[in-house]
């Protein structure tokens, strides 16, 4: 089995404002993140949270659900938050390296 989990991962600690673990997040105020809205760029994925402090993954391997008419493309691709904890392909998003797309379960594996 191929695994990229753990590759070059980096996390930062930030305050959380209505942020959900496992969701793409965006900066909402100084040092604070919240769930990224649909069709908006995201800065990372909230990895864990306790009280109002969370670890945001900003680099490394991630696997999220995707939505949209078109699956993300393999290789370099721009991803936007979809507003429901996943991503969608689109312009102006976070440029990532897409390693795998599973159309059966609508997941995308990528490196930030």
N, C-alpha and C. Protein backbone atom coordinates (compact mmCIF):
# COMPACT_ATOMS: atom_id res chain seq x y z
N UNK A 1 0.83 -1.17 0.00
CA UNK A 1 0.00 0.00 0.00
C UNK A 1 0.88 1.25 0.00
N UNK A 2 0.51 2.21 -0.79
CA UNK A 2 1.22 3.48 -0.85
C UNK A 2 0.66 4.41 0.21
N UNK A 3 1.55 5.09 0.94
CA UNK A 3 1.10 6.05 1.95
C UNK A 3 2.00 7.29 1.91
N UNK A 4 1.39 8.44 1.94
CA UNK A 4 2.11 9.71 2.01
C UNK A 4 1.88 10.42 3.33
N UNK A 5 1.13 9.78 4.23
CA UNK A 5 0.82 10.37 5.53
C UNK A 5 2.11 10.70 6.27
N UNK A 6 2.20 11.88 6.79
CA UNK A 6 3.36 12.30 7.55
C UNK A 6 4.41 13.03 6.74
N UNK A 7 4.30 13.01 5.40
CA UNK A 7 5.31 13.65 4.57
C UNK A 7 5.34 15.16 4.78
N UNK A 8 6.45 15.66 5.24
CA UNK A 8 6.73 17.09 5.34
C UNK A 8 5.60 17.88 5.99
N UNK A 9 4.92 17.29 6.98
CA UNK A 9 3.79 17.96 7.61
C UNK A 9 4.27 19.11 8.50
N UNK A 10 3.49 20.19 8.51
CA UNK A 10 3.77 21.34 9.37
C UNK A 10 2.44 21.86 9.91
N UNK A 11 2.46 22.22 11.18
CA UNK A 11 1.26 22.71 11.87
C UNK A 11 1.58 24.03 12.56
N UNK A 12 0.58 24.88 12.64
CA UNK A 12 0.70 26.10 13.43
C UNK A 12 -0.45 26.14 14.43
N UNK A 13 -0.23 26.78 15.55
CA UNK A 13 -1.25 26.90 16.58
C UNK A 13 -1.97 28.23 16.41
N UNK A 14 -3.30 28.16 16.36
CA UNK A 14 -4.10 29.37 16.20
C UNK A 14 -5.35 29.27 17.06
N UNK A 15 -5.97 30.40 17.34
CA UNK A 15 -7.27 30.42 17.99
C UNK A 15 -8.29 29.92 16.97
N UNK A 16 -9.38 29.33 17.46
CA UNK A 16 -10.43 28.82 16.57
C UNK A 16 -11.73 29.58 16.81
N UNK A 17 -12.37 29.96 15.72
CA UNK A 17 -13.63 30.68 15.76
C UNK A 17 -14.61 29.90 14.88
N UNK A 18 -15.46 29.11 15.47
CA UNK A 18 -16.39 28.24 14.74
C UNK A 18 -15.66 27.41 13.69
N UNK A 19 -14.55 26.81 14.09
CA UNK A 19 -13.78 25.94 13.20
C UNK A 19 -13.99 24.49 13.61
N UNK A 20 -14.11 23.62 12.62
CA UNK A 20 -14.39 22.21 12.84
C UNK A 20 -13.18 21.36 12.47
N UNK A 21 -12.80 20.45 13.33
CA UNK A 21 -11.67 19.56 13.05
C UNK A 21 -11.92 18.81 11.74
N UNK A 22 -10.90 18.78 10.88
CA UNK A 22 -10.99 18.11 9.60
C UNK A 22 -11.46 18.99 8.46
N UNK A 23 -11.83 20.22 8.75
CA UNK A 23 -12.33 21.15 7.73
C UNK A 23 -11.22 22.08 7.24
N UNK A 24 -11.29 22.48 5.98
CA UNK A 24 -10.42 23.55 5.51
C UNK A 24 -10.79 24.84 6.25
N UNK A 25 -9.76 25.61 6.63
CA UNK A 25 -10.01 26.84 7.39
C UNK A 25 -9.35 28.04 6.73
N UNK A 26 -9.84 29.22 7.10
CA UNK A 26 -9.31 30.48 6.61
C UNK A 26 -9.07 31.39 7.81
N UNK A 27 -8.22 32.36 7.65
CA UNK A 27 -7.94 33.31 8.73
C UNK A 27 -9.10 34.28 8.84
N UNK A 28 -9.67 34.39 10.05
CA UNK A 28 -10.83 35.26 10.26
C UNK A 28 -10.49 36.53 11.03
N UNK A 29 -9.41 36.49 11.80
CA UNK A 29 -8.93 37.63 12.58
C UNK A 29 -7.47 37.35 12.92
N UNK A 30 -6.80 38.29 13.55
CA UNK A 30 -5.41 38.07 13.91
C UNK A 30 -5.25 36.78 14.71
N UNK A 31 -4.46 35.84 14.19
CA UNK A 31 -4.18 34.60 14.89
C UNK A 31 -5.36 33.68 15.07
N UNK A 32 -6.41 33.84 14.27
CA UNK A 32 -7.65 33.09 14.44
C UNK A 32 -8.12 32.51 13.11
N UNK A 33 -8.62 31.26 13.15
CA UNK A 33 -9.17 30.63 11.95
C UNK A 33 -10.63 30.24 12.17
N UNK A 34 -11.34 30.12 11.04
CA UNK A 34 -12.71 29.62 11.05
C UNK A 34 -12.88 28.73 9.82
N UNK A 35 -13.98 27.98 9.78
CA UNK A 35 -14.26 27.16 8.61
C UNK A 35 -14.29 28.05 7.37
N UNK A 36 -13.63 27.60 6.31
CA UNK A 36 -13.62 28.37 5.06
C UNK A 36 -14.97 28.24 4.37
N UNK A 37 -15.46 29.34 3.84
CA UNK A 37 -16.74 29.37 3.13
C UNK A 37 -16.59 28.74 1.75
N UNK A 38 -17.72 28.37 1.17
CA UNK A 38 -17.74 27.77 -0.16
C UNK A 38 -17.11 28.70 -1.19
N UNK A 39 -16.33 28.11 -2.08
CA UNK A 39 -15.67 28.81 -3.19
C UNK A 39 -14.62 29.82 -2.74
N UNK A 40 -14.12 29.65 -1.51
CA UNK A 40 -13.08 30.54 -0.99
C UNK A 40 -11.78 29.77 -0.79
N UNK A 41 -10.63 30.44 -0.93
CA UNK A 41 -9.36 29.79 -0.66
C UNK A 41 -9.25 29.44 0.83
N UNK A 42 -8.42 28.48 1.13
CA UNK A 42 -8.19 28.09 2.52
C UNK A 42 -6.69 28.09 2.81
N UNK A 43 -6.33 28.23 4.09
CA UNK A 43 -4.92 28.28 4.46
C UNK A 43 -4.40 26.95 4.96
N UNK A 44 -5.30 26.06 5.32
CA UNK A 44 -4.90 24.75 5.83
C UNK A 44 -6.11 23.98 6.30
N UNK A 45 -5.85 22.91 7.02
CA UNK A 45 -6.91 22.03 7.53
C UNK A 45 -6.76 21.95 9.05
N UNK A 46 -7.86 22.17 9.78
CA UNK A 46 -7.82 22.09 11.24
C UNK A 46 -7.60 20.64 11.64
N UNK A 47 -6.47 20.37 12.27
CA UNK A 47 -6.09 19.01 12.63
C UNK A 47 -6.68 18.58 13.96
N UNK A 48 -6.61 19.45 14.95
CA UNK A 48 -7.24 19.17 16.24
C UNK A 48 -7.53 20.48 16.94
N UNK A 49 -8.35 20.39 17.98
CA UNK A 49 -8.75 21.60 18.69
C UNK A 49 -9.12 21.26 20.13
N UNK A 50 -8.76 22.17 21.04
CA UNK A 50 -9.14 22.03 22.44
C UNK A 50 -9.50 23.42 22.93
N UNK A 51 -10.68 23.55 23.49
CA UNK A 51 -11.21 24.86 23.90
C UNK A 51 -11.24 25.76 22.67
N UNK A 52 -10.51 26.85 22.68
CA UNK A 52 -10.54 27.75 21.53
C UNK A 52 -9.17 27.83 20.84
N UNK A 53 -8.35 26.78 21.00
CA UNK A 53 -7.02 26.72 20.39
C UNK A 53 -6.96 25.46 19.51
N UNK A 54 -6.36 25.62 18.31
CA UNK A 54 -6.27 24.47 17.42
C UNK A 54 -4.96 24.40 16.68
N UNK A 55 -4.64 23.20 16.20
CA UNK A 55 -3.47 22.98 15.35
C UNK A 55 -3.95 22.96 13.91
N UNK A 56 -3.41 23.85 13.10
CA UNK A 56 -3.79 23.95 11.70
C UNK A 56 -2.66 23.38 10.85
N UNK A 57 -2.99 22.35 10.06
CA UNK A 57 -1.99 21.79 9.16
C UNK A 57 -1.88 22.70 7.95
N UNK A 58 -0.68 23.22 7.70
CA UNK A 58 -0.46 24.15 6.60
C UNK A 58 0.46 23.57 5.52
N UNK A 59 0.97 22.38 5.78
CA UNK A 59 1.89 21.75 4.84
C UNK A 59 1.83 20.25 5.01
N UNK A 60 2.03 19.53 3.92
CA UNK A 60 2.08 18.08 3.98
C UNK A 60 0.87 17.43 3.33
N UNK A 61 0.70 16.14 3.61
CA UNK A 61 -0.34 15.31 3.00
C UNK A 61 -1.70 15.52 3.65
N UNK A 62 -2.73 15.61 2.82
CA UNK A 62 -4.11 15.69 3.32
C UNK A 62 -5.02 14.90 2.39
N UNK A 63 -6.10 14.41 2.94
CA UNK A 63 -7.12 13.70 2.17
C UNK A 63 -8.47 14.25 2.59
N UNK A 64 -9.21 14.79 1.62
CA UNK A 64 -10.51 15.39 1.89
C UNK A 64 -11.52 14.95 0.85
N UNK A 65 -12.79 15.08 1.17
CA UNK A 65 -13.86 14.87 0.21
C UNK A 65 -13.86 16.03 -0.77
N UNK A 66 -14.28 15.78 -2.00
CA UNK A 66 -14.45 16.87 -2.96
C UNK A 66 -15.86 16.85 -3.52
N UNK A 67 -16.30 18.01 -3.99
CA UNK A 67 -17.59 18.15 -4.64
C UNK A 67 -17.39 18.94 -5.92
N UNK A 68 -18.41 18.98 -6.74
CA UNK A 68 -18.34 19.75 -7.97
C UNK A 68 -18.53 18.88 -9.19
N UNK A 69 -18.77 19.52 -10.31
CA UNK A 69 -19.00 18.81 -11.56
C UNK A 69 -17.73 18.16 -12.09
N UNK A 70 -16.57 18.73 -11.74
CA UNK A 70 -15.31 18.23 -12.24
C UNK A 70 -14.43 17.81 -11.07
N UNK A 71 -13.88 16.60 -11.15
CA UNK A 71 -12.95 16.14 -10.12
C UNK A 71 -11.65 16.93 -10.22
N UNK A 72 -10.96 17.14 -9.11
CA UNK A 72 -9.65 17.79 -9.18
C UNK A 72 -8.72 17.02 -10.11
N UNK A 73 -7.87 17.76 -10.82
CA UNK A 73 -6.94 17.16 -11.76
C UNK A 73 -5.69 16.67 -11.03
N UNK A 74 -5.11 15.59 -11.52
CA UNK A 74 -3.85 15.10 -10.98
C UNK A 74 -2.74 16.10 -11.29
N UNK A 75 -1.74 16.15 -10.44
CA UNK A 75 -0.64 17.09 -10.62
C UNK A 75 -0.98 18.40 -9.92
N UNK A 76 -0.47 19.50 -10.45
CA UNK A 76 -0.76 20.80 -9.84
C UNK A 76 -2.21 21.19 -10.11
N UNK A 77 -2.89 21.62 -9.05
CA UNK A 77 -4.32 21.93 -9.15
C UNK A 77 -4.65 23.00 -8.10
N UNK A 78 -5.61 23.83 -8.40
CA UNK A 78 -6.09 24.84 -7.47
C UNK A 78 -7.35 24.32 -6.77
N UNK A 79 -7.33 24.29 -5.43
CA UNK A 79 -8.48 23.82 -4.66
C UNK A 79 -9.06 24.95 -3.82
N UNK A 80 -10.38 24.98 -3.77
CA UNK A 80 -11.13 25.93 -2.94
C UNK A 80 -11.92 25.14 -1.91
N UNK A 81 -12.26 25.75 -0.80
CA UNK A 81 -13.14 25.11 0.17
C UNK A 81 -14.53 24.97 -0.46
N UNK A 82 -15.27 23.94 -0.06
CA UNK A 82 -16.63 23.79 -0.58
C UNK A 82 -17.70 24.19 0.43
N UNK A 83 -17.28 24.60 1.62
CA UNK A 83 -18.22 25.08 2.64
C UNK A 83 -18.83 23.99 3.49
N UNK A 84 -18.54 22.71 3.17
CA UNK A 84 -19.10 21.60 3.94
C UNK A 84 -18.02 20.65 4.43
N UNK A 85 -16.80 21.16 4.56
CA UNK A 85 -15.70 20.36 5.09
C UNK A 85 -14.82 19.72 4.04
N UNK A 86 -15.08 19.98 2.79
CA UNK A 86 -14.28 19.42 1.71
C UNK A 86 -13.76 20.51 0.81
N UNK A 87 -13.42 20.11 -0.39
CA UNK A 87 -12.84 21.04 -1.37
C UNK A 87 -13.51 20.85 -2.73
N UNK A 88 -13.23 21.78 -3.62
CA UNK A 88 -13.64 21.67 -5.02
C UNK A 88 -12.54 22.29 -5.87
N UNK A 89 -12.44 21.84 -7.10
CA UNK A 89 -11.45 22.40 -8.02
C UNK A 89 -11.95 23.75 -8.50
N UNK A 90 -11.05 24.71 -8.62
CA UNK A 90 -11.43 26.03 -9.11
C UNK A 90 -10.26 26.98 -9.11
N UNK A 91 -10.40 28.06 -9.82
CA UNK A 91 -9.30 29.02 -9.91
C UNK A 91 -9.26 29.91 -8.69
N UNK A 92 -8.06 30.36 -8.34
CA UNK A 92 -7.88 31.28 -7.24
C UNK A 92 -7.76 30.62 -5.88
N UNK A 93 -7.69 29.31 -5.85
CA UNK A 93 -7.58 28.60 -4.59
C UNK A 93 -6.14 28.31 -4.21
N UNK A 94 -5.98 27.41 -3.27
CA UNK A 94 -4.66 26.97 -2.83
C UNK A 94 -4.10 26.02 -3.88
N UNK A 95 -2.92 26.32 -4.40
CA UNK A 95 -2.30 25.43 -5.38
C UNK A 95 -1.64 24.27 -4.64
N UNK A 96 -2.06 23.05 -4.98
CA UNK A 96 -1.58 21.84 -4.32
C UNK A 96 -1.09 20.85 -5.37
N UNK A 97 -0.44 19.78 -4.90
CA UNK A 97 -0.03 18.67 -5.76
C UNK A 97 -1.00 17.52 -5.52
N UNK A 98 -1.89 17.28 -6.45
CA UNK A 98 -2.87 16.20 -6.30
C UNK A 98 -2.19 14.89 -6.66
N UNK A 99 -2.20 13.95 -5.71
CA UNK A 99 -1.55 12.66 -5.88
C UNK A 99 -2.52 11.57 -6.31
N UNK A 100 -3.79 11.70 -5.89
CA UNK A 100 -4.78 10.66 -6.17
C UNK A 100 -6.18 11.25 -6.08
N UNK A 101 -7.04 10.80 -6.99
CA UNK A 101 -8.46 11.18 -6.97
C UNK A 101 -9.27 9.90 -7.03
N UNK A 102 -10.15 9.70 -6.06
CA UNK A 102 -11.01 8.52 -6.03
C UNK A 102 -12.43 8.98 -6.33
N UNK A 103 -12.87 8.75 -7.55
CA UNK A 103 -14.21 9.19 -7.95
C UNK A 103 -15.31 8.35 -7.32
N UNK A 104 -14.99 7.13 -6.88
CA UNK A 104 -16.00 6.27 -6.25
C UNK A 104 -16.43 6.83 -4.89
N UNK A 105 -15.48 7.34 -4.11
CA UNK A 105 -15.85 7.91 -2.80
C UNK A 105 -15.64 9.42 -2.73
N UNK A 106 -15.38 10.04 -3.88
CA UNK A 106 -15.23 11.50 -3.99
C UNK A 106 -14.19 12.06 -3.03
N UNK A 107 -13.00 11.44 -3.01
CA UNK A 107 -11.92 11.95 -2.17
C UNK A 107 -10.73 12.35 -3.06
N UNK A 108 -9.97 13.29 -2.54
CA UNK A 108 -8.75 13.75 -3.21
C UNK A 108 -7.62 13.74 -2.19
N UNK A 109 -6.48 13.19 -2.59
CA UNK A 109 -5.28 13.17 -1.75
C UNK A 109 -4.30 14.16 -2.36
N UNK A 110 -3.76 15.03 -1.51
CA UNK A 110 -2.88 16.09 -2.04
C UNK A 110 -1.82 16.50 -1.05
N UNK A 111 -0.81 17.19 -1.57
CA UNK A 111 0.24 17.78 -0.76
C UNK A 111 0.09 19.29 -0.81
N UNK A 112 0.04 19.90 0.37
CA UNK A 112 -0.04 21.37 0.46
C UNK A 112 1.36 21.92 0.40
